[in-house]
C-alpha atoms as a PDB file:
ATOM      1  CA  UNK A   1      84.603  70.756  99.255  1.00  0.00           C
ATOM      2  CA  UNK A   2      85.819  74.236  98.405  1.00  0.00           C
ATOM      3  CA  UNK A   3      88.968  75.685  99.963  1.00  0.00           C
ATOM      4  CA  UNK A   4      91.359  78.547  99.340  1.00  0.00           C
ATOM      5  CA  UNK A   5      95.064  77.819  99.465  1.00  0.00           C
ATOM      6  CA  UNK A   6      95.920  80.746 101.708  1.00  0.00           C
ATOM      7  CA  UNK A   7      99.392  82.302 101.518  1.00  0.00           C
ATOM      8  CA  UNK A   8      98.900  85.142 103.983  1.00  0.00           C
ATOM      9  CA  UNK A   9      99.659  87.863 101.437  1.00  0.00           C
ATOM     10  CA  UNK A  10      97.685  90.428  99.472  1.00  0.00           C
ATOM     11  CA  UNK A  11      95.880  88.317  96.887  1.00  0.00           C
ATOM     12  CA  UNK A  12      94.799  85.483  99.151  1.00  0.00           C
ATOM     13  CA  UNK A  13      93.740  87.928 101.871  1.00  0.00           C
ATOM     14  CA  UNK A  14      91.560  89.678  99.294  1.00  0.00           C
ATOM     15  CA  UNK A  15      89.965  86.276  98.676  1.00  0.00           C
ATOM     16  CA  UNK A  16      89.340  86.030 102.413  1.00  0.00           C
ATOM     17  CA  UNK A  17      87.467  89.340 102.322  1.00  0.00           C
ATOM     18  CA  UNK A  18      85.486  88.320  99.242  1.00  0.00           C
ATOM     19  CA  UNK A  19      84.497  85.073 100.945  1.00  0.00           C
ATOM     20  CA  UNK A  20      83.483  86.968 104.073  1.00  0.00           C
ATOM     21  CA  UNK A  21      81.272  89.181 101.909  1.00  0.00           C
ATOM     22  CA  UNK A  22      79.868  86.007 100.295  1.00  0.00           C
ATOM     23  CA  UNK A  23      80.990  87.171  96.862  1.00  0.00           C
ATOM     24  CA  UNK A  24      82.834  83.888  96.345  1.00  0.00           C
ATOM     25  CA  UNK A  25      81.833  80.514  97.747  1.00  0.00           C
ATOM     26  CA  UNK A  26      84.849  79.380  99.736  1.00  0.00           C
ATOM     27  CA  UNK A  27      84.140  78.646 103.398  1.00  0.00           C
ATOM     28  CA  UNK A  28      87.566  77.122 104.143  1.00  0.00           C
ATOM     29  CA  UNK A  29      91.058  78.636 104.017  1.00  0.00           C
ATOM     30  CA  UNK A  30      94.167  76.469 104.394  1.00  0.00           C
ATOM     31  CA  UNK A  31      97.489  78.022 105.391  1.00  0.00           C
ATOM     32  CA  UNK A  32     100.366  75.538 105.167  1.00  0.00           C
ATOM     33  CA  UNK A  33     102.903  76.909 107.620  1.00  0.00           C
ATOM     34  CA  UNK A  34     106.390  75.784 106.594  1.00  0.00           C
ATOM     35  CA  UNK A  35     107.554  76.510 110.139  1.00  0.00           C
ATOM     36  CA  UNK A  36     107.577  79.315 112.666  1.00  0.00           C
ATOM     37  CA  UNK A  37     111.350  79.295 112.178  1.00  0.00           C
ATOM     38  CA  UNK A  38     110.984  79.670 108.403  1.00  0.00           C
ATOM     39  CA  UNK A  39     107.968  81.825 107.541  1.00  0.00           C
ATOM     40  CA  UNK A  40     108.523  85.549 107.851  1.00  0.00           C
ATOM     41  CA  UNK A  41     107.461  86.619 111.365  1.00  0.00           C
ATOM     42  CA  UNK A  42     105.368  89.471 109.933  1.00  0.00           C
ATOM     43  CA  UNK A  43     103.267  87.009 107.924  1.00  0.00           C
ATOM     44  CA  UNK A  44     102.689  84.799 110.957  1.00  0.00           C
ATOM     45  CA  UNK A  45     101.727  87.840 113.026  1.00  0.00           C
ATOM     46  CA  UNK A  46      99.281  89.048 110.377  1.00  0.00           C
ATOM     47  CA  UNK A  47      97.564  85.672 110.181  1.00  0.00           C
ATOM     48  CA  UNK A  48      97.410  85.351 113.967  1.00  0.00           C
ATOM     49  CA  UNK A  49      96.291  88.884 114.785  1.00  0.00           C
ATOM     50  CA  UNK A  50      94.334  89.982 111.696  1.00  0.00           C
ATOM     51  CA  UNK A  51      93.325  87.195 109.305  1.00  0.00           C
ATOM     52  CA  UNK A  52      92.302  84.496 111.781  1.00  0.00           C
ATOM     53  CA  UNK A  53      90.073  86.753 113.932  1.00  0.00           C
ATOM     54  CA  UNK A  54      88.517  88.256 110.791  1.00  0.00           C
ATOM     55  CA  UNK A  55      87.766  84.788 109.390  1.00  0.00           C
ATOM     56  CA  UNK A  56      86.200  83.700 112.672  1.00  0.00           C
ATOM     57  CA  UNK A  57      83.946  86.766 112.798  1.00  0.00           C
ATOM     58  CA  UNK A  58      82.830  86.032 109.242  1.00  0.00           C
ATOM     59  CA  UNK A  59      82.045  82.398 109.985  1.00  0.00           C
ATOM     60  CA  UNK A  60      84.905  81.111 107.827  1.00  0.00           C
ATOM     61  CA  UNK A  61      87.350  78.359 108.722  1.00  0.00           C
ATOM     62  CA  UNK A  62      91.052  79.205 108.608  1.00  0.00           C
ATOM     63  CA  UNK A  63      93.213  76.191 109.343  1.00  0.00           C
ATOM     64  CA  UNK A  64      96.940  76.363 109.908  1.00  0.00           C
ATOM     65  CA  UNK A  65      98.597  73.168 108.659  1.00  0.00           C
ATOM     66  CA  UNK A  66     102.086  71.750 109.121  1.00  0.00           C
ATOM     67  CA  UNK A  67     104.137  69.047 107.474  1.00  0.00           C
ATOM     68  CA  UNK A  68     103.884  65.836 109.479  1.00  0.00           C
ATOM     69  CA  UNK A  69     106.181  62.838 109.234  1.00  0.00           C
ATOM     70  CA  UNK A  70     104.920  59.269 109.258  1.00  0.00           C
ATOM     71  CA  UNK A  71     105.758  58.957 112.963  1.00  0.00           C
ATOM     72  CA  UNK A  72     103.486  61.899 113.728  1.00  0.00           C
ATOM     73  CA  UNK A  73     106.220  64.460 114.391  1.00  0.00           C
ATOM     74  CA  UNK A  74     106.306  67.755 112.517  1.00  0.00           C
ATOM     75  CA  UNK A  75     109.110  69.043 110.338  1.00  0.00           C
ATOM     76  CA  UNK A  76     109.910  72.621 109.366  1.00  0.00           C
ATOM     77  CA  UNK A  77     111.699  73.780 106.244  1.00  0.00           C
ATOM     78  CA  UNK A  78     114.544  75.231 108.317  1.00  0.00           C
ATOM     79  CA  UNK A  79     114.953  71.898 110.095  1.00  0.00           C
ATOM     80  CA  UNK A  80     115.137  70.128 106.730  1.00  0.00           C
ATOM     81  CA  UNK A  81     117.791  72.554 105.494  1.00  0.00           C
ATOM     82  CA  UNK A  82     119.904  72.118 108.628  1.00  0.00           C
ATOM     83  CA  UNK A  83     119.605  68.329 108.832  1.00  0.00           C
ATOM     84  CA  UNK A  84     123.167  66.912 108.648  1.00  0.00           C
ATOM     85  CA  UNK A  85     122.205  64.044 106.329  1.00  0.00           C
ATOM     86  CA  UNK A  86     120.412  66.271 103.802  1.00  0.00           C
ATOM     87  CA  UNK A  87     122.165  65.939 100.440  1.00  0.00           C
ATOM     88  CA  UNK A  88     119.738  67.931  98.287  1.00  0.00           C
ATOM     89  CA  UNK A  89     118.624  71.505  98.878  1.00  0.00           C
ATOM     90  CA  UNK A  90     114.832  71.960  98.853  1.00  0.00           C
ATOM     91  CA  UNK A  91     114.894  75.718  98.215  1.00  0.00           C
ATOM     92  CA  UNK A  92     115.815  77.310  94.838  1.00  0.00           C
ATOM     93  CA  UNK A  93     119.313  78.442  95.771  1.00  0.00           C
ATOM     94  CA  UNK A  94     121.258  80.303  93.111  1.00  0.00           C
ATOM     95  CA  UNK A  95     124.027  78.628  91.190  1.00  0.00           C
ATOM     96  CA  UNK A  96     127.287  80.459  90.462  1.00  0.00           C
ATOM     97  CA  UNK A  97     125.782  81.820  87.232  1.00  0.00           C
ATOM     98  CA  UNK A  98     122.762  83.214  89.080  1.00  0.00           C
ATOM     99  CA  UNK A  99     120.274  80.643  87.823  1.00  0.00           C
ATOM    100  CA  UNK A 100     117.960  79.142  90.449  1.00  0.00           C
ATOM    101  CA  UNK A 101     118.346  75.490  91.297  1.00  0.00           C
ATOM    102  CA  UNK A 102     115.530  72.995  91.575  1.00  0.00           C
ATOM    103  CA  UNK A 103     113.205  73.231  94.539  1.00  0.00           C
ATOM    104  CA  UNK A 104     110.999  70.815  96.408  1.00  0.00           C
ATOM    105  CA  UNK A 105     109.907  73.145  99.213  1.00  0.00           C
ATOM    106  CA  UNK A 106     106.700  74.102  97.401  1.00  0.00           C
ATOM    107  CA  UNK A 107     105.649  70.507  96.869  1.00  0.00           C
ATOM    108  CA  UNK A 108     106.765  69.067 100.204  1.00  0.00           C
ATOM    109  CA  UNK A 109     105.789  71.823 102.614  1.00  0.00           C
ATOM    110  CA  UNK A 110     102.750  73.368 100.911  1.00  0.00           C
ATOM    111  CA  UNK A 111     101.084  71.385  98.130  1.00  0.00           C
ATOM    112  CA  UNK A 112     101.361  67.975  99.777  1.00  0.00           C
ATOM    113  CA  UNK A 113     100.387  69.358 103.178  1.00  0.00           C
ATOM    114  CA  UNK A 114      97.235  70.957 101.793  1.00  0.00           C
ATOM    115  CA  UNK A 115      96.533  67.862  99.709  1.00  0.00           C
ATOM    116  CA  UNK A 116      96.799  65.586 102.715  1.00  0.00           C
ATOM    117  CA  UNK A 117      94.286  67.691 104.639  1.00  0.00           C
ATOM    118  CA  UNK A 118      91.879  67.576 101.709  1.00  0.00           C
ATOM    119  CA  UNK A 119      92.170  63.786 101.454  1.00  0.00           C
ATOM    120  CA  UNK A 120      91.630  63.406 105.178  1.00  0.00           C
ATOM    121  CA  UNK A 121      88.449  65.430 104.827  1.00  0.00           C
ATOM    122  CA  UNK A 122      86.970  63.453 101.958  1.00  0.00           C
ATOM    123  CA  UNK A 123      88.498  64.678  98.706  1.00  0.00           C
ATOM    124  CA  UNK A 124      89.135  61.951  96.135  1.00  0.00           C
ATOM    125  CA  UNK A 125      90.011  61.724  92.453  1.00  0.00           C
ATOM    126  CA  UNK A 126      86.355  60.924  91.754  1.00  0.00           C
ATOM    127  CA  UNK A 127      85.117  63.741  93.992  1.00  0.00           C
ATOM    128  CA  UNK A 128      87.918  66.342  93.923  1.00  0.00           C
ATOM    129  CA  UNK A 129      88.047  69.408  96.113  1.00  0.00           C
ATOM    130  CA  UNK A 130      87.940  72.783  94.413  1.00  0.00           C
ATOM    131  CA  UNK A 131      91.051  74.687  95.490  1.00  0.00           C
ATOM    132  CA  UNK A 132      91.111  78.432  94.895  1.00  0.00           C
ATOM    133  CA  UNK A 133      94.463  80.096  94.188  1.00  0.00           C
ATOM    134  CA  UNK A 134      94.998  83.841  94.556  1.00  0.00           C
ATOM    135  CA  UNK A 135      96.521  84.691  91.195  1.00  0.00           C
ATOM    136  CA  UNK A 136      95.415  88.095  89.913  1.00  0.00           C
ATOM    137  CA  UNK A 137      95.110  89.359  86.347  1.00  0.00           C
ATOM    138  CA  UNK A 138      98.511  91.076  86.372  1.00  0.00           C
ATOM    139  CA  UNK A 139     100.209  87.720  86.967  1.00  0.00           C
ATOM    140  CA  UNK A 140      97.992  85.532  84.794  1.00  0.00           C
ATOM    141  CA  UNK A 141     101.068  83.964  83.201  1.00  0.00           C
ATOM    142  CA  UNK A 142     101.547  81.946  86.400  1.00  0.00           C
ATOM    143  CA  UNK A 143      98.100  80.367  86.344  1.00  0.00           C
ATOM    144  CA  UNK A 144      99.071  77.386  84.196  1.00  0.00           C
ATOM    145  CA  UNK A 145     102.186  76.609  86.250  1.00  0.00           C
ATOM    146  CA  UNK A 146     100.453  75.636  89.476  1.00  0.00           C
ATOM    147  CA  UNK A 147     100.869  71.938  90.200  1.00  0.00           C
ATOM    148  CA  UNK A 148      97.761  70.108  91.419  1.00  0.00           C
ATOM    149  CA  UNK A 149      97.064  66.811  93.116  1.00  0.00           C
ATOM    150  CA  UNK A 150      94.693  64.211  91.551  1.00  0.00           C
ATOM    151  CA  UNK A 151      92.023  65.009  94.142  1.00  0.00           C
ATOM    152  CA  UNK A 152      92.140  68.767  93.457  1.00  0.00           C
ATOM    153  CA  UNK A 153      90.458  70.946  90.882  1.00  0.00           C
ATOM    154  CA  UNK A 154      92.242  74.287  90.675  1.00  0.00           C
ATOM    155  CA  UNK A 155      90.249  77.519  90.417  1.00  0.00           C
ATOM    156  CA  UNK A 156      91.331  81.163  90.070  1.00  0.00           C
ATOM    157  CA  UNK A 157      88.616  83.406  91.549  1.00  0.00           C
ATOM    158  CA  UNK A 158      90.574  86.632  91.052  1.00  0.00           C
ATOM    159  CA  UNK A 159      90.936  85.910  87.342  1.00  0.00           C
ATOM    160  CA  UNK A 160      87.209  85.217  87.058  1.00  0.00           C
ATOM    161  CA  UNK A 161      86.538  88.589  88.699  1.00  0.00           C
ATOM    162  CA  UNK A 162      89.223  90.327  86.572  1.00  0.00           C
ATOM    163  CA  UNK A 163      90.961  91.734  89.647  1.00  0.00           C
ATOM    164  CA  UNK A 164      94.503  93.048  89.780  1.00  0.00           C
ATOM    165  CA  UNK A 165      96.821  93.264  92.776  1.00  0.00           C
ATOM    166  CA  UNK A 166      95.930  96.925  93.315  1.00  0.00           C
ATOM    167  CA  UNK A 167      92.247  95.929  93.359  1.00  0.00           C
ATOM    168  CA  UNK A 168      93.072  93.343  96.002  1.00  0.00           C
ATOM    169  CA  UNK A 169      94.751  95.953  98.169  1.00  0.00           C
ATOM    170  CA  UNK A 170      91.685  98.174  97.930  1.00  0.00           C
ATOM    171  CA  UNK A 171      89.355  95.293  98.812  1.00  0.00           C
ATOM    172  CA  UNK A 172      91.385  94.676 101.959  1.00  0.00           C
ATOM    173  CA  UNK A 173      91.343  98.359 102.926  1.00  0.00           C
ATOM    174  CA  UNK A 174      87.589  98.590 102.299  1.00  0.00           C
ATOM    175  CA  UNK A 175      87.143  95.776 104.825  1.00  0.00           C
ATOM    176  CA  UNK A 176      88.945  97.871 107.423  1.00  0.00           C
ATOM    177  CA  UNK A 177      91.984  95.587 107.451  1.00  0.00           C
ATOM    178  CA  UNK A 178      95.635  96.568 107.040  1.00  0.00           C
ATOM    179  CA  UNK A 179      97.232  95.402 103.813  1.00  0.00           C
ATOM    180  CA  UNK A 180      99.420  92.401 104.701  1.00  0.00           C
ATOM    181  CA  UNK A 181     103.169  92.427 104.150  1.00  0.00           C
ATOM    182  CA  UNK A 182     104.610  90.428 101.305  1.00  0.00           C
ATOM    183  CA  UNK A 183     104.663  86.810 102.362  1.00  0.00           C
ATOM    184  CA  UNK A 184     107.621  84.496 101.891  1.00  0.00           C
ATOM    185  CA  UNK A 185     110.175  82.577 103.880  1.00  0.00           C
ATOM    186  CA  UNK A 186     112.630  85.147 105.213  1.00  0.00           C
ATOM    187  CA  UNK A 187     115.511  83.319 103.484  1.00  0.00           C
ATOM    188  CA  UNK A 188     113.825  82.616 100.133  1.00  0.00           C
ATOM    189  CA  UNK A 189     116.268  82.987  97.204  1.00  0.00           C
ATOM    190  CA  UNK A 190     113.441  84.499  95.134  1.00  0.00           C
ATOM    191  CA  UNK A 191     113.318  87.565  97.387  1.00  0.00           C
ATOM    192  CA  UNK A 192     114.118  90.797  95.595  1.00  0.00           C
ATOM    193  CA  UNK A 193     117.394  92.525  96.279  1.00  0.00           C
ATOM    194  CA  UNK A 194     115.438  95.472  97.679  1.00  0.00           C
ATOM    195  CA  UNK A 195     113.769  93.065 100.112  1.00  0.00           C
ATOM    196  CA  UNK A 196     117.145  91.685 101.155  1.00  0.00           C
ATOM    197  CA  UNK A 197     118.472  95.219 101.583  1.00  0.00           C
ATOM    198  CA  UNK A 198     115.527  96.180 103.749  1.00  0.00           C
ATOM    199  CA  UNK A 199     115.929  93.030 105.820  1.00  0.00           C
ATOM    200  CA  UNK A 200     119.558  93.842 106.516  1.00  0.00           C
ATOM    201  CA  UNK A 201     118.627  97.359 107.596  1.00  0.00           C
ATOM    202  CA  UNK A 202     115.474  96.688 109.627  1.00  0.00           C
ATOM    203  CA  UNK A 203     115.630  92.997 110.571  1.00  0.00           C
ATOM    204  CA  UNK A 204     119.307  92.284 111.267  1.00  0.00           C
ATOM    205  CA  UNK A 205     118.543  89.154 113.297  1.00  0.00           C
ATOM    206  CA  UNK A 206     116.707  87.561 110.365  1.00  0.00           C
ATOM    207  CA  UNK A 207     119.486  88.619 108.006  1.00  0.00           C
ATOM    208  CA  UNK A 208     122.075  87.017 110.291  1.00  0.00           C
ATOM    209  CA  UNK A 209     120.048  83.794 110.338  1.00  0.00           C
ATOM    210  CA  UNK A 210     119.918  83.800 106.536  1.00  0.00           C
ATOM    211  CA  UNK A 211     123.699  84.244 106.410  1.00  0.00           C
ATOM    212  CA  UNK A 212     124.131  81.326 108.823  1.00  0.00           C
ATOM    213  CA  UNK A 213     121.852  79.140 106.701  1.00  0.00           C
ATOM    214  CA  UNK A 214     123.811  79.901 103.541  1.00  0.00           C
ATOM    215  CA  UNK A 215     127.058  79.013 105.331  1.00  0.00           C
ATOM    216  CA  UNK A 216     125.580  75.747 106.622  1.00  0.00           C
ATOM    217  CA  UNK A 217     124.402  74.722 103.162  1.00  0.00           C
ATOM    218  CA  UNK A 218     127.760  75.518 101.595  1.00  0.00           C
ATOM    219  CA  UNK A 219     129.679  73.773 104.351  1.00  0.00           C
ATOM    220  CA  UNK A 220     127.742  70.600 103.592  1.00  0.00           C
ATOM    221  CA  UNK A 221     128.273  71.042  99.833  1.00  0.00           C
ATOM    222  CA  UNK A 222     131.997  71.572 100.310  1.00  0.00           C
ATOM    223  CA  UNK A 223     132.228  68.308 102.244  1.00  0.00           C
ATOM    224  CA  UNK A 224     130.600  66.579  99.262  1.00  0.00           C
ATOM    225  CA  UNK A 225     132.974  68.254  96.801  1.00  0.00           C
ATOM    226  CA  UNK A 226     130.267  70.460  95.301  1.00  0.00           C
ATOM    227  CA  UNK A 227     130.405  74.095  94.229  1.00  0.00           C
ATOM    228  CA  UNK A 228     128.942  76.755  96.540  1.00  0.00           C
ATOM    229  CA  UNK A 229     125.441  78.152  96.073  1.00  0.00           C
ATOM    230  CA  UNK A 230     123.944  81.438  97.181  1.00  0.00           C
ATOM    231  CA  UNK A 231     120.732  83.112  98.308  1.00  0.00           C
ATOM    232  CA  UNK A 232     121.052  85.895  95.712  1.00  0.00           C
ATOM    233  CA  UNK A 233     121.907  85.868  92.015  1.00  0.00           C
ATOM    234  CA  UNK A 234     125.242  87.641  92.470  1.00  0.00           C
ATOM    235  CA  UNK A 235     127.400  84.562  92.914  1.00  0.00           C
ATOM    236  CA  UNK A 236     128.836  85.572  96.283  1.00  0.00           C
ATOM    237  CA  UNK A 237     127.934  85.204  99.953  1.00  0.00           C
ATOM    238  CA  UNK A 238     124.880  87.071 101.174  1.00  0.00           C
ATOM    239  CA  UNK A 239     126.815  89.412 103.463  1.00  0.00           C
ATOM    240  CA  UNK A 240     128.880  90.552 100.454  1.00  0.00           C
ATOM    241  CA  UNK A 241     126.057  90.569  97.914  1.00  0.00           C
ATOM    242  CA  UNK A 242     123.893  92.822 100.115  1.00  0.00           C
ATOM    243  CA  UNK A 243     126.296  95.372 101.596  1.00  0.00           C
ATOM    244  CA  UNK A 244     125.259  97.967 104.121  1.00  0.00           C
ATOM    245  CA  UNK A 245     126.023 100.741 101.643  1.00  0.00           C
ATOM    246  CA  UNK A 246     124.178 101.322  98.391  1.00  0.00           C
ATOM    247  CA  UNK A 247     125.526 100.096  95.071  1.00  0.00           C
ATOM    248  CA  UNK A 248     123.499  97.062  94.039  1.00  0.00           C
ATOM    249  CA  UNK A 249     120.858  97.595  91.320  1.00  0.00           C
ATOM    250  CA  UNK A 250     117.195  97.271  92.208  1.00  0.00           C
ATOM    251  CA  UNK A 251     115.321  94.131  91.202  1.00  0.00           C
ATOM    252  CA  UNK A 252     111.780  95.199  91.933  1.00  0.00           C
ATOM    253  CA  UNK A 253     110.419  93.081  89.088  1.00  0.00           C
ATOM    254  CA  UNK A 254     111.540  89.803  90.626  1.00  0.00           C
ATOM    255  CA  UNK A 255     108.683  88.205  92.503  1.00  0.00           C
ATOM    256  CA  UNK A 256     108.536  85.129  94.694  1.00  0.00           C
ATOM    257  CA  UNK A 257     104.808  84.805  94.102  1.00  0.00           C
ATOM    258  CA  UNK A 258     104.130  83.868  97.701  1.00  0.00           C
ATOM    259  CA  UNK A 259     101.525  86.580  98.264  1.00  0.00           C
ATOM    260  CA  UNK A 260      99.090  84.737  96.037  1.00  0.00           C
ATOM    261  CA  UNK A 261      99.490  81.448  97.818  1.00  0.00           C
ATOM    262  CA  UNK A 262     101.160  80.087  94.679  1.00  0.00           C
ATOM    263  CA  UNK A 263     104.866  80.001  95.439  1.00  0.00           C
ATOM    264  CA  UNK A 264     104.530  77.524  98.250  1.00  0.00           C
ATOM    265  CA  UNK A 265     100.946  76.340  98.062  1.00  0.00           C
END
């Protein structure tokens, strides 16, 4: 079994094109959707309107997976964050000093979801599935940080082909496809400040939902006697940290890694 852990961004979409051109042997793509209320709407739209039809025309399988509880019901990341009895925070919220906290969202809503599908379709520790991850040469330092399940063997096709992110963008354009937007949850604390600023300007409804989430998390923490946490590194509420006016330095180098299918896959 050979499958790509598909994140819906630039690198993993380049892998989709390479598979369609039969330049890599990966007939299956697995997109673990953390929730329609959590993934960025632009990523969901790209997968629905561009990636899925393209995969079907190329004879590739693109499966959209969701986290399922033992009783058969599904759970989204946003639902987990807003659950009244949740004591831990699964996303890497920022502490008062700006450092990110621990996260379980990647494991619970991506890695385990993909792993469960692979097990259900025959992958075992003795016969592991090969899982391709879209990490390109310019981010090779992340290749050894990807957690794997016992029934998975991790592969990095873009590294084997010595491709960079810019190469991936060109591969997508050469296929006649639009380059996908950067993929991430719209409230991810690893978003760059420029991304937050753009969201406030062009997607005010999403920004308002992120503000509400931060308030909900801190309301729960206050009831437990814990210090507040934030969605940015500035140690203050999102609405204050990302003002309408300019004045906050750019953080273009900060990267959630979700484009490659790594951050949450």
